[in-house]
Amino acid sequence: MIKHYDVLKDDYENAGKVSSDIKRTLKQLGLDTKTLRNVAIAAYEAEINMIIHSLGGDITFELSDEGEVILCFDDIGPGIPNLDLALQPGWSTASAKARELGFGAGMGLVNMKRVANDFHIESSPQGTHLKMRFSS
């Protein structure tokens, strides 16, 4: 199963809808609770990061025949200037608007890396590519 979603810059009104759809789909398919929780956390954090920091992009959700969940997030610039800093707890470049709405605590990438079985991120001024894998 593969699903694709579009994410728009600053679309706070729809923030969390993609990750909710992914969680709902996996719950209906009977994914174990721990993996479901980890996927939900990572999907939400990555979706919010795309809304806050990128110019938009797409999310691909895949469930393999073996039950492995693969999440890919591909956005359009501006990229993450310093990945080492971005992976530090509490480091954030979120706008004042994002912070007013309760986002931008600097824990997104940290939480994703913590819950994923495999976490790979690449970033340049053209955009960021994030791929995570989850298995029971």
N, C-alpha and C. Protein backbone atom coordinates (compact mmCIF):
# COMPACT_ATOMS: atom_id res chain seq x y z
N MET A 1 0.84 -1.17 0.00
CA MET A 1 0.00 0.00 0.00
C MET A 1 0.88 1.24 0.00
N ILE A 2 0.55 2.18 -0.84
CA ILE A 2 1.27 3.45 -0.90
C ILE A 2 0.26 4.57 -0.99
N LYS A 3 0.48 5.62 -0.18
CA LYS A 3 -0.34 6.82 -0.24
C LYS A 3 0.57 8.03 -0.36
N HIS A 4 0.10 9.04 -1.11
CA HIS A 4 0.84 10.29 -1.27
C HIS A 4 -0.02 11.45 -0.77
N TYR A 5 0.65 12.42 -0.17
CA TYR A 5 -0.05 13.60 0.36
C TYR A 5 0.75 14.84 -0.01
N ASP A 6 0.05 15.93 -0.30
CA ASP A 6 0.68 17.22 -0.52
C ASP A 6 0.60 18.04 0.76
N VAL A 7 1.67 18.77 1.05
CA VAL A 7 1.72 19.63 2.22
C VAL A 7 2.06 21.04 1.75
N LEU A 8 1.32 22.02 2.26
CA LEU A 8 1.53 23.41 1.88
C LEU A 8 2.21 24.19 2.98
N LYS A 9 3.03 25.14 2.58
CA LYS A 9 3.71 26.04 3.53
C LYS A 9 2.68 26.80 4.36
N ASP A 10 2.94 26.90 5.64
CA ASP A 10 2.11 27.69 6.57
C ASP A 10 0.65 27.25 6.63
N ASP A 11 0.34 26.01 6.27
CA ASP A 11 -1.04 25.52 6.29
C ASP A 11 -1.38 24.99 7.69
N TYR A 12 -1.36 25.88 8.67
CA TYR A 12 -1.60 25.48 10.06
C TYR A 12 -3.01 24.94 10.26
N GLU A 13 -3.95 25.38 9.46
CA GLU A 13 -5.33 24.92 9.57
C GLU A 13 -5.45 23.41 9.34
N ASN A 14 -4.61 22.87 8.47
CA ASN A 14 -4.65 21.44 8.17
C ASN A 14 -3.52 20.65 8.82
N ALA A 15 -2.78 21.30 9.69
CA ALA A 15 -1.65 20.65 10.35
C ALA A 15 -2.12 19.43 11.13
N GLY A 16 -1.50 18.31 10.86
CA GLY A 16 -1.81 17.07 11.56
C GLY A 16 -2.78 16.16 10.82
N LYS A 17 -3.39 16.64 9.75
CA LYS A 17 -4.37 15.82 9.03
C LYS A 17 -3.72 14.63 8.32
N VAL A 18 -2.54 14.83 7.75
CA VAL A 18 -1.85 13.73 7.08
C VAL A 18 -1.46 12.66 8.09
N SER A 19 -0.82 13.07 9.17
CA SER A 19 -0.39 12.09 10.17
C SER A 19 -1.59 11.38 10.80
N SER A 20 -2.70 12.07 10.95
CA SER A 20 -3.92 11.43 11.47
C SER A 20 -4.44 10.38 10.50
N ASP A 21 -4.39 10.67 9.20
CA ASP A 21 -4.84 9.70 8.21
C ASP A 21 -3.94 8.46 8.21
N ILE A 22 -2.65 8.68 8.32
CA ILE A 22 -1.70 7.55 8.37
C ILE A 22 -1.99 6.70 9.61
N LYS A 23 -2.15 7.34 10.75
CA LYS A 23 -2.43 6.61 11.99
C LYS A 23 -3.74 5.83 11.88
N ARG A 24 -4.78 6.47 11.37
CA ARG A 24 -6.08 5.82 11.22
C ARG A 24 -5.98 4.59 10.30
N THR A 25 -5.26 4.74 9.20
CA THR A 25 -5.08 3.63 8.26
C THR A 25 -4.38 2.46 8.92
N LEU A 26 -3.30 2.74 9.62
CA LEU A 26 -2.54 1.67 10.27
C LEU A 26 -3.32 1.01 11.40
N LYS A 27 -4.10 1.80 12.11
CA LYS A 27 -4.92 1.25 13.20
C LYS A 27 -5.97 0.29 12.62
N GLN A 28 -6.59 0.68 11.51
CA GLN A 28 -7.59 -0.18 10.85
C GLN A 28 -6.97 -1.48 10.36
N LEU A 29 -5.69 -1.42 10.00
CA LEU A 29 -5.00 -2.61 9.51
C LEU A 29 -4.43 -3.47 10.64
N GLY A 30 -4.58 -3.00 11.88
CA GLY A 30 -4.18 -3.80 13.03
C GLY A 30 -2.70 -3.75 13.38
N LEU A 31 -2.02 -2.66 13.03
CA LEU A 31 -0.60 -2.53 13.40
C LEU A 31 -0.47 -2.53 14.92
N ASP A 32 0.59 -3.14 15.43
CA ASP A 32 0.76 -3.21 16.88
C ASP A 32 0.86 -1.81 17.49
N THR A 33 0.43 -1.70 18.73
CA THR A 33 0.28 -0.42 19.41
C THR A 33 1.58 0.38 19.49
N LYS A 34 2.68 -0.28 19.84
CA LYS A 34 3.95 0.44 20.01
C LYS A 34 4.42 1.02 18.68
N THR A 35 4.38 0.24 17.61
CA THR A 35 4.80 0.74 16.31
C THR A 35 3.86 1.83 15.83
N LEU A 36 2.57 1.65 16.04
CA LEU A 36 1.58 2.66 15.67
C LEU A 36 1.89 3.99 16.36
N ARG A 37 2.18 3.93 17.63
CA ARG A 37 2.51 5.15 18.39
C ARG A 37 3.76 5.82 17.82
N ASN A 38 4.79 5.04 17.54
CA ASN A 38 6.03 5.60 17.01
C ASN A 38 5.83 6.24 15.63
N VAL A 39 5.08 5.57 14.77
CA VAL A 39 4.79 6.12 13.44
C VAL A 39 4.01 7.42 13.57
N ALA A 40 3.01 7.43 14.46
CA ALA A 40 2.18 8.62 14.64
C ALA A 40 3.01 9.81 15.12
N ILE A 41 3.90 9.58 16.06
CA ILE A 41 4.77 10.65 16.57
C ILE A 41 5.64 11.20 15.45
N ALA A 42 6.32 10.32 14.75
CA ALA A 42 7.26 10.74 13.69
C ALA A 42 6.53 11.43 12.55
N ALA A 43 5.39 10.89 12.13
CA ALA A 43 4.64 11.48 11.02
C ALA A 43 4.17 12.88 11.38
N TYR A 44 3.67 13.04 12.59
CA TYR A 44 3.19 14.36 13.02
C TYR A 44 4.33 15.37 13.08
N GLU A 45 5.43 14.99 13.71
CA GLU A 45 6.58 15.91 13.83
C GLU A 45 7.09 16.34 12.46
N ALA A 46 7.22 15.39 11.54
CA ALA A 46 7.74 15.71 10.21
C ALA A 46 6.76 16.56 9.42
N GLU A 47 5.47 16.23 9.52
CA GLU A 47 4.45 17.03 8.83
C GLU A 47 4.48 18.47 9.32
N ILE A 48 4.53 18.66 10.62
CA ILE A 48 4.57 20.02 11.19
C ILE A 48 5.83 20.75 10.75
N ASN A 49 6.97 20.06 10.75
CA ASN A 49 8.21 20.70 10.30
C ASN A 49 8.09 21.19 8.86
N MET A 50 7.45 20.39 8.01
CA MET A 50 7.27 20.81 6.61
C MET A 50 6.41 22.06 6.52
N ILE A 51 5.35 22.11 7.31
CA ILE A 51 4.44 23.27 7.29
C ILE A 51 5.17 24.52 7.79
N ILE A 52 5.93 24.37 8.85
CA ILE A 52 6.61 25.51 9.48
C ILE A 52 7.82 25.99 8.67
N HIS A 53 8.65 25.06 8.23
CA HIS A 53 9.98 25.43 7.75
C HIS A 53 10.17 25.40 6.23
N SER A 54 9.36 24.64 5.51
CA SER A 54 9.62 24.49 4.08
C SER A 54 8.68 25.35 3.24
N LEU A 55 8.86 25.26 1.95
CA LEU A 55 7.97 25.93 1.00
C LEU A 55 6.88 24.98 0.51
N GLY A 56 6.73 23.86 1.22
CA GLY A 56 5.76 22.84 0.84
C GLY A 56 6.46 21.61 0.32
N GLY A 57 5.70 20.56 0.08
CA GLY A 57 6.30 19.33 -0.41
C GLY A 57 5.32 18.19 -0.38
N ASP A 58 5.87 16.97 -0.39
CA ASP A 58 4.98 15.81 -0.36
C ASP A 58 5.46 14.76 0.63
N ILE A 59 4.49 13.98 1.07
CA ILE A 59 4.72 12.89 2.01
C ILE A 59 4.29 11.61 1.32
N THR A 60 5.13 10.60 1.44
CA THR A 60 4.78 9.27 0.94
C THR A 60 4.76 8.32 2.12
N PHE A 61 3.65 7.60 2.23
CA PHE A 61 3.46 6.59 3.28
C PHE A 61 3.34 5.24 2.58
N GLU A 62 4.16 4.30 3.03
CA GLU A 62 4.14 2.97 2.42
C GLU A 62 4.09 1.92 3.52
N LEU A 63 3.26 0.91 3.30
CA LEU A 63 3.21 -0.25 4.17
C LEU A 63 3.59 -1.44 3.30
N SER A 64 4.73 -2.07 3.61
CA SER A 64 5.21 -3.19 2.81
C SER A 64 4.41 -4.45 3.13
N ASP A 65 4.54 -5.44 2.27
CA ASP A 65 3.88 -6.73 2.49
C ASP A 65 4.36 -7.40 3.77
N GLU A 66 5.57 -7.03 4.21
CA GLU A 66 6.15 -7.60 5.43
C GLU A 66 5.72 -6.84 6.68
N GLY A 67 4.94 -5.76 6.51
CA GLY A 67 4.47 -4.98 7.65
C GLY A 67 5.37 -3.83 8.05
N GLU A 68 6.39 -3.56 7.26
CA GLU A 68 7.27 -2.42 7.55
C GLU A 68 6.62 -1.14 7.06
N VAL A 69 6.65 -0.10 7.89
CA VAL A 69 6.13 1.21 7.52
C VAL A 69 7.30 2.09 7.08
N ILE A 70 7.15 2.73 5.93
CA ILE A 70 8.17 3.63 5.41
C ILE A 70 7.51 4.99 5.20
N LEU A 71 8.11 6.02 5.78
CA LEU A 71 7.63 7.38 5.61
C LEU A 71 8.72 8.19 4.93
N CYS A 72 8.35 8.89 3.85
CA CYS A 72 9.29 9.78 3.15
C CYS A 72 8.69 11.18 3.09
N PHE A 73 9.50 12.15 3.42
CA PHE A 73 9.10 13.55 3.41
C PHE A 73 10.07 14.28 2.50
N ASP A 74 9.54 14.86 1.44
CA ASP A 74 10.37 15.59 0.47
C ASP A 74 9.81 16.99 0.33
N ASP A 75 10.60 17.98 0.73
CA ASP A 75 10.10 19.35 0.64
C ASP A 75 10.95 20.20 -0.28
N ILE A 76 10.41 21.35 -0.57
CA ILE A 76 11.07 22.34 -1.42
C ILE A 76 11.69 23.37 -0.49
N GLY A 77 12.97 23.52 -0.51
CA GLY A 77 13.75 24.49 0.23
C GLY A 77 13.05 25.13 1.42
N PRO A 78 13.73 25.87 2.17
CA PRO A 78 15.09 26.36 1.98
C PRO A 78 16.17 25.43 2.52
N GLY A 79 15.78 24.29 3.04
CA GLY A 79 16.77 23.37 3.60
C GLY A 79 17.09 23.69 5.05
N ILE A 80 17.84 22.82 5.64
CA ILE A 80 18.27 22.98 7.03
C ILE A 80 19.74 23.39 6.99
N PRO A 81 20.05 24.62 7.40
CA PRO A 81 21.43 25.11 7.28
C PRO A 81 22.47 24.29 8.03
N ASN A 82 22.10 23.76 9.20
CA ASN A 82 23.05 23.02 10.01
C ASN A 82 22.35 21.81 10.63
N LEU A 83 22.49 20.65 9.99
CA LEU A 83 21.83 19.44 10.50
C LEU A 83 22.30 19.06 11.90
N ASP A 84 23.57 19.25 12.18
CA ASP A 84 24.08 18.90 13.51
C ASP A 84 23.35 19.68 14.60
N LEU A 85 23.16 20.99 14.37
CA LEU A 85 22.42 21.80 15.34
C LEU A 85 20.95 21.39 15.39
N ALA A 86 20.36 21.14 14.21
CA ALA A 86 18.94 20.79 14.14
C ALA A 86 18.63 19.49 14.88
N LEU A 87 19.61 18.63 15.03
CA LEU A 87 19.41 17.37 15.74
C LEU A 87 19.69 17.49 17.24
N GLN A 88 19.95 18.72 17.71
CA GLN A 88 20.17 18.97 19.13
C GLN A 88 18.83 19.32 19.79
N PRO A 89 18.51 18.71 20.93
CA PRO A 89 17.26 19.03 21.63
C PRO A 89 17.14 20.52 21.93
N GLY A 90 15.99 21.10 21.57
CA GLY A 90 15.71 22.49 21.89
C GLY A 90 16.14 23.50 20.86
N TRP A 91 16.91 23.09 19.86
CA TRP A 91 17.36 24.04 18.84
C TRP A 91 16.24 24.24 17.82
N SER A 92 15.87 25.48 17.56
CA SER A 92 14.75 25.74 16.66
C SER A 92 14.95 27.03 15.89
N THR A 93 14.46 27.05 14.67
CA THR A 93 14.42 28.27 13.86
C THR A 93 12.97 28.64 13.53
N ALA A 94 12.04 28.13 14.32
CA ALA A 94 10.62 28.38 14.07
C ALA A 94 10.32 29.88 14.18
N SER A 95 9.40 30.32 13.35
CA SER A 95 8.98 31.73 13.34
C SER A 95 8.18 32.05 14.60
N ALA A 96 8.01 33.33 14.84
CA ALA A 96 7.21 33.78 15.98
C ALA A 96 5.78 33.27 15.84
N LYS A 97 5.26 33.26 14.62
CA LYS A 97 3.90 32.77 14.37
C LYS A 97 3.78 31.30 14.79
N ALA A 98 4.75 30.48 14.38
CA ALA A 98 4.72 29.06 14.74
C ALA A 98 4.79 28.89 16.25
N ARG A 99 5.61 29.66 16.89
CA ARG A 99 5.74 29.56 18.35
C ARG A 99 4.46 30.00 19.06
N GLU A 100 3.81 31.03 18.54
CA GLU A 100 2.54 31.49 19.11
C GLU A 100 1.49 30.38 19.04
N LEU A 101 1.56 29.55 18.01
CA LEU A 101 0.61 28.47 17.83
C LEU A 101 1.01 27.20 18.60
N GLY A 102 2.12 27.28 19.34
CA GLY A 102 2.54 26.15 20.17
C GLY A 102 3.52 25.20 19.51
N PHE A 103 4.05 25.58 18.35
CA PHE A 103 5.02 24.74 17.65
C PHE A 103 6.42 25.33 17.82
N GLY A 104 7.43 24.57 17.37
CA GLY A 104 8.78 25.12 17.33
C GLY A 104 9.58 24.96 18.59
N ALA A 105 9.34 23.89 19.34
CA ALA A 105 10.09 23.66 20.57
C ALA A 105 11.48 23.08 20.32
N GLY A 106 11.78 22.73 19.08
CA GLY A 106 13.10 22.19 18.77
C GLY A 106 13.26 20.72 19.12
N MET A 107 12.16 19.98 19.17
CA MET A 107 12.25 18.55 19.50
C MET A 107 11.81 17.64 18.35
N GLY A 108 11.38 18.22 17.23
CA GLY A 108 10.85 17.43 16.13
C GLY A 108 11.79 16.37 15.61
N LEU A 109 12.96 16.76 15.11
CA LEU A 109 13.91 15.80 14.57
C LEU A 109 14.42 14.85 15.64
N VAL A 110 14.60 15.38 16.84
CA VAL A 110 15.07 14.55 17.96
C VAL A 110 14.06 13.43 18.23
N ASN A 111 12.78 13.79 18.29
CA ASN A 111 11.74 12.78 18.54
C ASN A 111 11.63 11.78 17.39
N MET A 112 11.73 12.26 16.15
CA MET A 112 11.66 11.34 15.00
C MET A 112 12.78 10.32 15.05
N LYS A 113 13.98 10.80 15.29
CA LYS A 113 15.15 9.90 15.33
C LYS A 113 15.02 8.89 16.47
N ARG A 114 14.45 9.32 17.57
CA ARG A 114 14.29 8.45 18.75
C ARG A 114 13.31 7.31 18.49
N VAL A 115 12.22 7.58 17.74
CA VAL A 115 11.17 6.56 17.60
C VAL A 115 11.30 5.69 16.35
N ALA A 116 12.06 6.12 15.37
CA ALA A 116 12.19 5.36 14.12
C ALA A 116 13.24 4.25 14.26
N ASN A 117 13.00 3.12 13.59
CA ASN A 117 14.01 2.07 13.55
C ASN A 117 15.18 2.49 12.67
N ASP A 118 14.87 3.27 11.63
CA ASP A 118 15.89 3.78 10.72
C ASP A 118 15.52 5.21 10.38
N PHE A 119 16.48 6.12 10.44
CA PHE A 119 16.26 7.55 10.24
C PHE A 119 17.35 8.07 9.34
N HIS A 120 16.98 8.65 8.21
CA HIS A 120 17.96 9.20 7.28
C HIS A 120 17.46 10.56 6.80
N ILE A 121 18.33 11.58 6.90
CA ILE A 121 17.95 12.92 6.48
C ILE A 121 19.08 13.54 5.67
N GLU A 122 18.69 14.21 4.60
CA GLU A 122 19.61 14.99 3.77
C GLU A 122 18.96 16.33 3.51
N SER A 123 19.77 17.39 3.50
CA SER A 123 19.20 18.71 3.28
C SER A 123 20.15 19.59 2.50
N SER A 124 19.59 20.42 1.65
CA SER A 124 20.33 21.41 0.88
C SER A 124 19.40 22.61 0.69
N PRO A 125 19.88 23.70 0.14
CA PRO A 125 19.00 24.84 -0.10
C PRO A 125 17.81 24.52 -1.03
N GLN A 126 17.91 23.44 -1.79
CA GLN A 126 16.81 23.05 -2.67
C GLN A 126 15.70 22.31 -1.91
N GLY A 127 16.02 21.75 -0.76
CA GLY A 127 15.00 21.06 0.02
C GLY A 127 15.59 20.00 0.93
N THR A 128 14.70 19.36 1.64
CA THR A 128 15.09 18.33 2.61
C THR A 128 14.39 17.03 2.27
N HIS A 129 15.13 15.94 2.37
CA HIS A 129 14.58 14.60 2.17
C HIS A 129 14.78 13.83 3.47
N LEU A 130 13.69 13.31 4.00
CA LEU A 130 13.71 12.54 5.24
C LEU A 130 13.03 11.21 4.99
N LYS A 131 13.71 10.13 5.37
CA LYS A 131 13.13 8.79 5.22
C LYS A 131 13.27 8.07 6.55
N MET A 132 12.13 7.51 6.99
CA MET A 132 12.12 6.75 8.24
C MET A 132 11.46 5.40 8.00
N ARG A 133 11.96 4.41 8.71
CA ARG A 133 11.40 3.06 8.64
C ARG A 133 11.00 2.62 10.05
N PHE A 134 9.90 1.86 10.11
CA PHE A 134 9.38 1.35 11.37
C PHE A 134 9.00 -0.10 11.18
N SER A 135 9.40 -0.94 12.12
CA SER A 135 8.99 -2.34 12.06
C SER A 135 8.69 -2.82 13.46
N SER A 136 7.85 -3.83 13.53
CA SER A 136 7.45 -4.39 14.83
C SER A 136 8.56 -5.17 15.46
